[in-house]
Amino acid sequence: MRLPIVGLLVTTAAVFVAGCEPTCQGTCRRFYDEDQCAGPTGGLERDAQIDACIVECSTALKTPGEAPLPTDGRFNPDIPAQPIKPALTNEQEAAAWMDCVWSFEDLETCRDGIDRGACAIVP
């Protein structure tokens, strides 16, 4: 009788721990939501920008690829205000972007960082 209960507890714990990782949904909301980091929306409504961000990020996570480098001309969240509209094309770029957005200690430093061009905007 104890075995099913232990299995259920282990499964529940695994789901809970997995839910703690940054997700595209949570990261896009943190980046664009006015109550969070309030990133610029490029003229779109905030909800539309969040939805577009989630689609791009989720699509990128399904594509294997290399991590972005400062010199390769691809999306890199560590390069402020890139001259082209950045796009996430693979899982490593998406992970780097999510890490950047969640790297700020609080919302004030997040807003300041994004205002300075940190964590390049995801369309």
Foldseek 3Di string as FASTA:
>chain_A
DVVVVVVVVVVVVVVVVVVVDDAQLNLLCQQCPPVHLNADQPPDDSVVSSVQSNVQLVQQAVADDDADDPPPPADALADFPDVDQHGRRHNNNSVRLSCFQPVDPGSVVSNVCSVRRGSHRYD
